């Protein structure tokens, strides 16, 4: 079994952030977390503070990030299970542009003394 961080970048449809966040937190997270391999999730909203550095990173176009903790042998099986659990249950408050997704595995541990 391998530990993964599954990062999902999303946007709400224009002007529908409140509806999007309500759906995401009250339905979508529950659907995704019902997949056995997914152990936890944490959501973030892109900061708008004035010190935010400019970037050319395409992920900067996204306003929301969810980081899932996953324990699995095969991430493609996890994606298939998510697809089954969420089939027909995606809100139209989710932007029509596809989310950006990335899988990460641990590369090392930093320690402070």
C-alpha atoms as a PDB file:
ATOM      1  CA  UNK A   1       0.000   0.000   0.000  1.00  0.00           C
ATOM      2  CA  UNK A   2       1.351   3.419  -0.953  1.00  0.00           C
ATOM      3  CA  UNK A   3       0.480   6.738   0.691  1.00  0.00           C
ATOM      4  CA  UNK A   4      -0.504   9.475  -1.730  1.00  0.00           C
ATOM      5  CA  UNK A   5      -1.537  13.099  -1.607  1.00  0.00           C
ATOM      6  CA  UNK A   6      -4.176  13.625  -4.281  1.00  0.00           C
ATOM      7  CA  UNK A   7      -4.475  17.324  -5.175  1.00  0.00           C
ATOM      8  CA  UNK A   8      -7.608  18.544  -6.917  1.00  0.00           C
ATOM      9  CA  UNK A   9      -7.787  22.147  -8.147  1.00  0.00           C
ATOM     10  CA  UNK A  10     -11.267  23.466  -8.972  1.00  0.00           C
ATOM     11  CA  UNK A  11     -13.283  26.612  -9.621  1.00  0.00           C
ATOM     12  CA  UNK A  12     -16.869  27.531  -9.042  1.00  0.00           C
ATOM     13  CA  UNK A  13     -19.004  28.563 -11.987  1.00  0.00           C
ATOM     14  CA  UNK A  14     -18.984  32.347 -12.363  1.00  0.00           C
ATOM     15  CA  UNK A  15     -20.787  34.031  -9.475  1.00  0.00           C
ATOM     16  CA  UNK A  16     -21.721  30.719  -7.795  1.00  0.00           C
ATOM     17  CA  UNK A  17     -19.033  30.318  -5.134  1.00  0.00           C
ATOM     18  CA  UNK A  18     -21.483  30.023  -2.240  1.00  0.00           C
ATOM     19  CA  UNK A  19     -23.530  27.334  -3.997  1.00  0.00           C
ATOM     20  CA  UNK A  20     -20.354  25.526  -5.095  1.00  0.00           C
ATOM     21  CA  UNK A  21     -18.905  25.484  -1.566  1.00  0.00           C
ATOM     22  CA  UNK A  22     -22.174  24.306  -0.033  1.00  0.00           C
ATOM     23  CA  UNK A  23     -22.406  21.413  -2.526  1.00  0.00           C
ATOM     24  CA  UNK A  24     -18.716  20.548  -2.149  1.00  0.00           C
ATOM     25  CA  UNK A  25     -18.840  20.404   1.639  1.00  0.00           C
ATOM     26  CA  UNK A  26     -22.312  18.928   2.148  1.00  0.00           C
ATOM     27  CA  UNK A  27     -22.347  16.344  -0.657  1.00  0.00           C
ATOM     28  CA  UNK A  28     -19.193  15.968  -2.723  1.00  0.00           C
ATOM     29  CA  UNK A  29     -16.701  15.482   0.105  1.00  0.00           C
ATOM     30  CA  UNK A  30     -18.935  12.813   1.638  1.00  0.00           C
ATOM     31  CA  UNK A  31     -19.208  11.007  -1.700  1.00  0.00           C
ATOM     32  CA  UNK A  32     -15.448  11.040  -2.229  1.00  0.00           C
ATOM     33  CA  UNK A  33     -14.604  10.156   1.386  1.00  0.00           C
ATOM     34  CA  UNK A  34     -16.881   7.107   1.122  1.00  0.00           C
ATOM     35  CA  UNK A  35     -14.157   5.529  -1.051  1.00  0.00           C
ATOM     36  CA  UNK A  36     -12.227   3.267   1.345  1.00  0.00           C
ATOM     37  CA  UNK A  37      -8.788   4.289   0.063  1.00  0.00           C
ATOM     38  CA  UNK A  38      -9.434   7.965   0.812  1.00  0.00           C
ATOM     39  CA  UNK A  39      -8.603   8.622   4.449  1.00  0.00           C
ATOM     40  CA  UNK A  40      -9.123  12.376   4.811  1.00  0.00           C
ATOM     41  CA  UNK A  41      -9.501  15.647   2.940  1.00  0.00           C
ATOM     42  CA  UNK A  42      -8.676  19.276   3.557  1.00  0.00           C
ATOM     43  CA  UNK A  43      -9.933  22.210   1.458  1.00  0.00           C
ATOM     44  CA  UNK A  44      -8.255  25.506   0.732  1.00  0.00           C
ATOM     45  CA  UNK A  45      -9.199  28.741  -1.008  1.00  0.00           C
ATOM     46  CA  UNK A  46      -6.531  30.707  -2.873  1.00  0.00           C
ATOM     47  CA  UNK A  47      -5.323  33.621  -0.809  1.00  0.00           C
ATOM     48  CA  UNK A  48      -5.897  37.131  -2.107  1.00  0.00           C
ATOM     49  CA  UNK A  49      -3.499  38.904   0.242  1.00  0.00           C
ATOM     50  CA  UNK A  50      -1.439  41.692  -1.379  1.00  0.00           C
ATOM     51  CA  UNK A  51       1.827  39.766  -0.899  1.00  0.00           C
ATOM     52  CA  UNK A  52       0.687  36.957  -3.204  1.00  0.00           C
ATOM     53  CA  UNK A  53       3.539  36.593  -5.718  1.00  0.00           C
ATOM     54  CA  UNK A  54       2.771  36.681  -9.434  1.00  0.00           C
ATOM     55  CA  UNK A  55       3.027  33.315 -11.118  1.00  0.00           C
ATOM     56  CA  UNK A  56       2.859  31.711 -14.537  1.00  0.00           C
ATOM     57  CA  UNK A  57       1.717  28.424 -12.986  1.00  0.00           C
ATOM     58  CA  UNK A  58      -1.524  27.227 -14.634  1.00  0.00           C
ATOM     59  CA  UNK A  59      -2.739  26.042 -11.216  1.00  0.00           C
ATOM     60  CA  UNK A  60      -2.909  29.726 -10.210  1.00  0.00           C
ATOM     61  CA  UNK A  61      -6.041  30.016 -12.362  1.00  0.00           C
ATOM     62  CA  UNK A  62      -7.846  27.833  -9.815  1.00  0.00           C
ATOM     63  CA  UNK A  63      -9.418  29.298  -6.703  1.00  0.00           C
ATOM     64  CA  UNK A  64      -9.902  26.083  -4.695  1.00  0.00           C
ATOM     65  CA  UNK A  65      -7.662  23.197  -3.742  1.00  0.00           C
ATOM     66  CA  UNK A  66      -8.590  19.973  -1.974  1.00  0.00           C
ATOM     67  CA  UNK A  67      -5.836  17.694  -0.701  1.00  0.00           C
ATOM     68  CA  UNK A  68      -6.883  14.098  -0.117  1.00  0.00           C
ATOM     69  CA  UNK A  69      -4.847  11.580   1.885  1.00  0.00           C
ATOM     70  CA  UNK A  70      -5.011   8.274   0.037  1.00  0.00           C
ATOM     71  CA  UNK A  71      -3.728   4.781   0.858  1.00  0.00           C
ATOM     72  CA  UNK A  72      -3.844   2.600  -2.250  1.00  0.00           C
ATOM     73  CA  UNK A  73      -1.973   0.192  -4.465  1.00  0.00           C
ATOM     74  CA  UNK A  74      -3.344   1.666  -7.695  1.00  0.00           C
ATOM     75  CA  UNK A  75      -4.503   5.304  -8.014  1.00  0.00           C
ATOM     76  CA  UNK A  76      -6.429   4.479 -11.205  1.00  0.00           C
ATOM     77  CA  UNK A  77      -8.693   2.209  -9.149  1.00  0.00           C
ATOM     78  CA  UNK A  78      -9.267   5.064  -6.696  1.00  0.00           C
ATOM     79  CA  UNK A  79     -10.225   7.384  -9.560  1.00  0.00           C
ATOM     80  CA  UNK A  80     -12.647   4.774 -10.904  1.00  0.00           C
ATOM     81  CA  UNK A  81     -14.243   4.415  -7.452  1.00  0.00           C
ATOM     82  CA  UNK A  82     -14.583   8.198  -7.144  1.00  0.00           C
ATOM     83  CA  UNK A  83     -16.208   8.279 -10.573  1.00  0.00           C
ATOM     84  CA  UNK A  84     -18.734   5.650  -9.516  1.00  0.00           C
ATOM     85  CA  UNK A  85     -19.559   7.389  -6.218  1.00  0.00           C
ATOM     86  CA  UNK A  86     -20.011  10.814  -7.814  1.00  0.00           C
ATOM     87  CA  UNK A  87     -21.743   9.743 -11.038  1.00  0.00           C
ATOM     88  CA  UNK A  88     -24.742  11.987 -11.619  1.00  0.00           C
ATOM     89  CA  UNK A  89     -24.015  13.928  -8.420  1.00  0.00           C
ATOM     90  CA  UNK A  90     -21.810  16.754  -9.741  1.00  0.00           C
ATOM     91  CA  UNK A  91     -23.265  20.223  -9.234  1.00  0.00           C
ATOM     92  CA  UNK A  92     -23.563  22.631 -12.127  1.00  0.00           C
ATOM     93  CA  UNK A  93     -22.064  25.183  -9.701  1.00  0.00           C
ATOM     94  CA  UNK A  94     -18.721  23.512 -10.501  1.00  0.00           C
ATOM     95  CA  UNK A  95     -16.990  25.351 -13.341  1.00  0.00           C
ATOM     96  CA  UNK A  96     -17.344  23.598 -16.696  1.00  0.00           C
ATOM     97  CA  UNK A  97     -13.550  23.626 -17.207  1.00  0.00           C
ATOM     98  CA  UNK A  98     -12.114  20.344 -15.967  1.00  0.00           C
ATOM     99  CA  UNK A  99     -10.374  20.338 -12.604  1.00  0.00           C
ATOM    100  CA  UNK A 100      -6.619  19.901 -12.501  1.00  0.00           C
ATOM    101  CA  UNK A 101      -5.509  16.812 -10.566  1.00  0.00           C
ATOM    102  CA  UNK A 102      -2.097  15.596  -9.409  1.00  0.00           C
ATOM    103  CA  UNK A 103      -0.864  12.630  -7.405  1.00  0.00           C
ATOM    104  CA  UNK A 104       2.134  12.928  -5.082  1.00  0.00           C
ATOM    105  CA  UNK A 105       4.081  10.426  -3.010  1.00  0.00           C
ATOM    106  CA  UNK A 106       6.439  11.267  -0.181  1.00  0.00           C
ATOM    107  CA  UNK A 107       9.882  12.382  -1.300  1.00  0.00           C
ATOM    108  CA  UNK A 108      11.440  12.790   2.123  1.00  0.00           C
ATOM    109  CA  UNK A 109      10.896  14.276   5.515  1.00  0.00           C
ATOM    110  CA  UNK A 110      12.223  17.584   6.782  1.00  0.00           C
ATOM    111  CA  UNK A 111      13.075  17.784  10.446  1.00  0.00           C
ATOM    112  CA  UNK A 112      13.709  20.771  12.635  1.00  0.00           C
ATOM    113  CA  UNK A 113      15.795  20.455  15.757  1.00  0.00           C
END
